[in-house]
C-alpha atoms as a PDB file:
ATOM      1  CA  UNK A   1     104.037 104.647 109.346  1.00  0.00           C
ATOM      2  CA  UNK A   2     106.638 103.351 106.983  1.00  0.00           C
ATOM      3  CA  UNK A   3     105.876 102.825 103.320  1.00  0.00           C
ATOM      4  CA  UNK A   4     107.907  99.904 102.030  1.00  0.00           C
ATOM      5  CA  UNK A   5     108.408  99.608  98.290  1.00  0.00           C
ATOM      6  CA  UNK A   6     109.463  96.334  96.712  1.00  0.00           C
ATOM      7  CA  UNK A   7     111.092  96.307  93.285  1.00  0.00           C
ATOM      8  CA  UNK A   8     111.493  92.944  91.618  1.00  0.00           C
ATOM      9  CA  UNK A   9     114.984  92.098  90.507  1.00  0.00           C
ATOM     10  CA  UNK A  10     114.049  88.712  89.071  1.00  0.00           C
ATOM     11  CA  UNK A  11     111.560  87.809  86.309  1.00  0.00           C
ATOM     12  CA  UNK A  12     107.877  87.362  87.162  1.00  0.00           C
ATOM     13  CA  UNK A  13     108.320  83.600  86.705  1.00  0.00           C
ATOM     14  CA  UNK A  14     110.611  83.641  89.772  1.00  0.00           C
ATOM     15  CA  UNK A  15     108.216  85.931  91.667  1.00  0.00           C
ATOM     16  CA  UNK A  16     105.402  83.430  91.076  1.00  0.00           C
ATOM     17  CA  UNK A  17     107.426  80.604  92.672  1.00  0.00           C
ATOM     18  CA  UNK A  18     107.428  82.421  96.024  1.00  0.00           C
ATOM     19  CA  UNK A  19     104.104  84.253  95.810  1.00  0.00           C
ATOM     20  CA  UNK A  20     102.156  81.905  98.109  1.00  0.00           C
ATOM     21  CA  UNK A  21     104.891  82.095 100.766  1.00  0.00           C
ATOM     22  CA  UNK A  22     104.902  85.887 100.409  1.00  0.00           C
ATOM     23  CA  UNK A  23     101.118  85.993 100.904  1.00  0.00           C
ATOM     24  CA  UNK A  24     101.458  83.886 104.069  1.00  0.00           C
ATOM     25  CA  UNK A  25     104.120  86.341 105.305  1.00  0.00           C
ATOM     26  CA  UNK A  26     101.708  89.232 104.687  1.00  0.00           C
ATOM     27  CA  UNK A  27      98.848  87.446 106.454  1.00  0.00           C
ATOM     28  CA  UNK A  28     101.018  86.830 109.527  1.00  0.00           C
ATOM     29  CA  UNK A  29     101.677  90.549 109.985  1.00  0.00           C
ATOM     30  CA  UNK A  30      98.110  91.586 109.148  1.00  0.00           C
ATOM     31  CA  UNK A  31      96.984  89.262 111.959  1.00  0.00           C
ATOM     32  CA  UNK A  32      99.325  91.138 114.311  1.00  0.00           C
ATOM     33  CA  UNK A  33      97.918  94.513 113.135  1.00  0.00           C
ATOM     34  CA  UNK A  34     101.335  95.574 111.880  1.00  0.00           C
ATOM     35  CA  UNK A  35     100.465  95.929 108.176  1.00  0.00           C
ATOM     36  CA  UNK A  36      97.812  98.434 107.140  1.00  0.00           C
ATOM     37  CA  UNK A  37      97.726  97.814 103.391  1.00  0.00           C
ATOM     38  CA  UNK A  38      99.670  96.102 100.637  1.00  0.00           C
ATOM     39  CA  UNK A  39      99.425  95.405  96.958  1.00  0.00           C
ATOM     40  CA  UNK A  40     101.013  95.155  93.564  1.00  0.00           C
ATOM     41  CA  UNK A  41     102.402  98.172  91.830  1.00  0.00           C
ATOM     42  CA  UNK A  42     100.407  98.992  88.724  1.00  0.00           C
ATOM     43  CA  UNK A  43     103.323  98.273  86.425  1.00  0.00           C
ATOM     44  CA  UNK A  44     104.010  94.814  87.988  1.00  0.00           C
ATOM     45  CA  UNK A  45     107.583  95.736  88.839  1.00  0.00           C
ATOM     46  CA  UNK A  46     107.005  95.161  92.543  1.00  0.00           C
ATOM     47  CA  UNK A  47     104.708  96.012  95.389  1.00  0.00           C
ATOM     48  CA  UNK A  48     104.006  98.297  98.334  1.00  0.00           C
ATOM     49  CA  UNK A  49     103.432  97.514 102.011  1.00  0.00           C
ATOM     50  CA  UNK A  50     102.282 100.171 104.485  1.00  0.00           C
ATOM     51  CA  UNK A  51     103.610  99.262 107.925  1.00  0.00           C
ATOM     52  CA  UNK A  52     102.169 100.612 111.173  1.00  0.00           C
ATOM     53  CA  UNK A  53     105.504 101.358 112.771  1.00  0.00           C
ATOM     54  CA  UNK A  54     107.876 104.300 113.022  1.00  0.00           C
ATOM     55  CA  UNK A  55     110.812 102.067 113.909  1.00  0.00           C
ATOM     56  CA  UNK A  56     112.826 101.630 110.722  1.00  0.00           C
ATOM     57  CA  UNK A  57     115.013  98.902 112.210  1.00  0.00           C
ATOM     58  CA  UNK A  58     111.936  96.908 113.245  1.00  0.00           C
ATOM     59  CA  UNK A  59     110.471  97.189 109.742  1.00  0.00           C
ATOM     60  CA  UNK A  60     113.734  96.073 108.149  1.00  0.00           C
ATOM     61  CA  UNK A  61     113.808  93.060 110.477  1.00  0.00           C
ATOM     62  CA  UNK A  62     110.221  92.202 109.522  1.00  0.00           C
ATOM     63  CA  UNK A  63     110.970  92.506 105.806  1.00  0.00           C
ATOM     64  CA  UNK A  64     113.978  90.223 106.223  1.00  0.00           C
ATOM     65  CA  UNK A  65     111.414  87.484 106.988  1.00  0.00           C
ATOM     66  CA  UNK A  66     109.687  87.954 103.619  1.00  0.00           C
ATOM     67  CA  UNK A  67     110.391  85.060 101.214  1.00  0.00           C
ATOM     68  CA  UNK A  68     110.954  87.668  98.482  1.00  0.00           C
ATOM     69  CA  UNK A  69     113.794  89.036 100.602  1.00  0.00           C
ATOM     70  CA  UNK A  70     115.170  85.640 101.620  1.00  0.00           C
ATOM     71  CA  UNK A  71     115.298  84.423  98.020  1.00  0.00           C
ATOM     72  CA  UNK A  72     116.576  87.752  96.664  1.00  0.00           C
ATOM     73  CA  UNK A  73     113.482  88.286  94.533  1.00  0.00           C
ATOM     74  CA  UNK A  74     113.082  91.983  95.376  1.00  0.00           C
ATOM     75  CA  UNK A  75     114.929  95.044  96.603  1.00  0.00           C
ATOM     76  CA  UNK A  76     113.288  97.051  99.401  1.00  0.00           C
ATOM     77  CA  UNK A  77     113.151 100.781 100.026  1.00  0.00           C
ATOM     78  CA  UNK A  78     111.669 102.491 103.062  1.00  0.00           C
ATOM     79  CA  UNK A  79     110.036 105.871 103.561  1.00  0.00           C
ATOM     80  CA  UNK A  80     108.747 107.210 106.860  1.00  0.00           C
ATOM     81  CA  UNK A  81     105.333 108.789 106.488  1.00  0.00           C
ATOM     82  CA  UNK A  82     103.376 110.744 109.075  1.00  0.00           C
ATOM     83  CA  UNK A  83      99.740 111.137 108.038  1.00  0.00           C
ATOM     84  CA  UNK A  84      98.304 114.529 108.883  1.00  0.00           C
ATOM     85  CA  UNK A  85      94.998 114.033 107.079  1.00  0.00           C
ATOM     86  CA  UNK A  86      93.126 110.745 106.813  1.00  0.00           C
ATOM     87  CA  UNK A  87      89.706 109.086 106.783  1.00  0.00           C
ATOM     88  CA  UNK A  88      87.981 108.711 110.135  1.00  0.00           C
ATOM     89  CA  UNK A  89      87.815 104.959 109.470  1.00  0.00           C
ATOM     90  CA  UNK A  90      91.589 104.602 109.846  1.00  0.00           C
ATOM     91  CA  UNK A  91      92.026 107.093 112.700  1.00  0.00           C
ATOM     92  CA  UNK A  92      92.851 104.326 115.198  1.00  0.00           C
ATOM     93  CA  UNK A  93      95.827 103.297 113.047  1.00  0.00           C
ATOM     94  CA  UNK A  94      97.249 106.789 112.741  1.00  0.00           C
END
């Protein structure tokens, strides 16, 4: 898995302008079973997307399709993560 962290570099008013497009982007990759989870960071400075891939280049290419990336709304960081303990309910994803 790769944990992708988004950090907004524009005000929330700019984030809001592209939020619906961003949600459509998320839905597209959930439908393909590529995203496991996503959501806002508690402090509203960005978000997190957990991607079911170990291919960093692939994940970067996917994130380049995000309207937040295209419109320079957020910076992205990537961390590979290999779960060694997890709920049985998500075993098929690990």
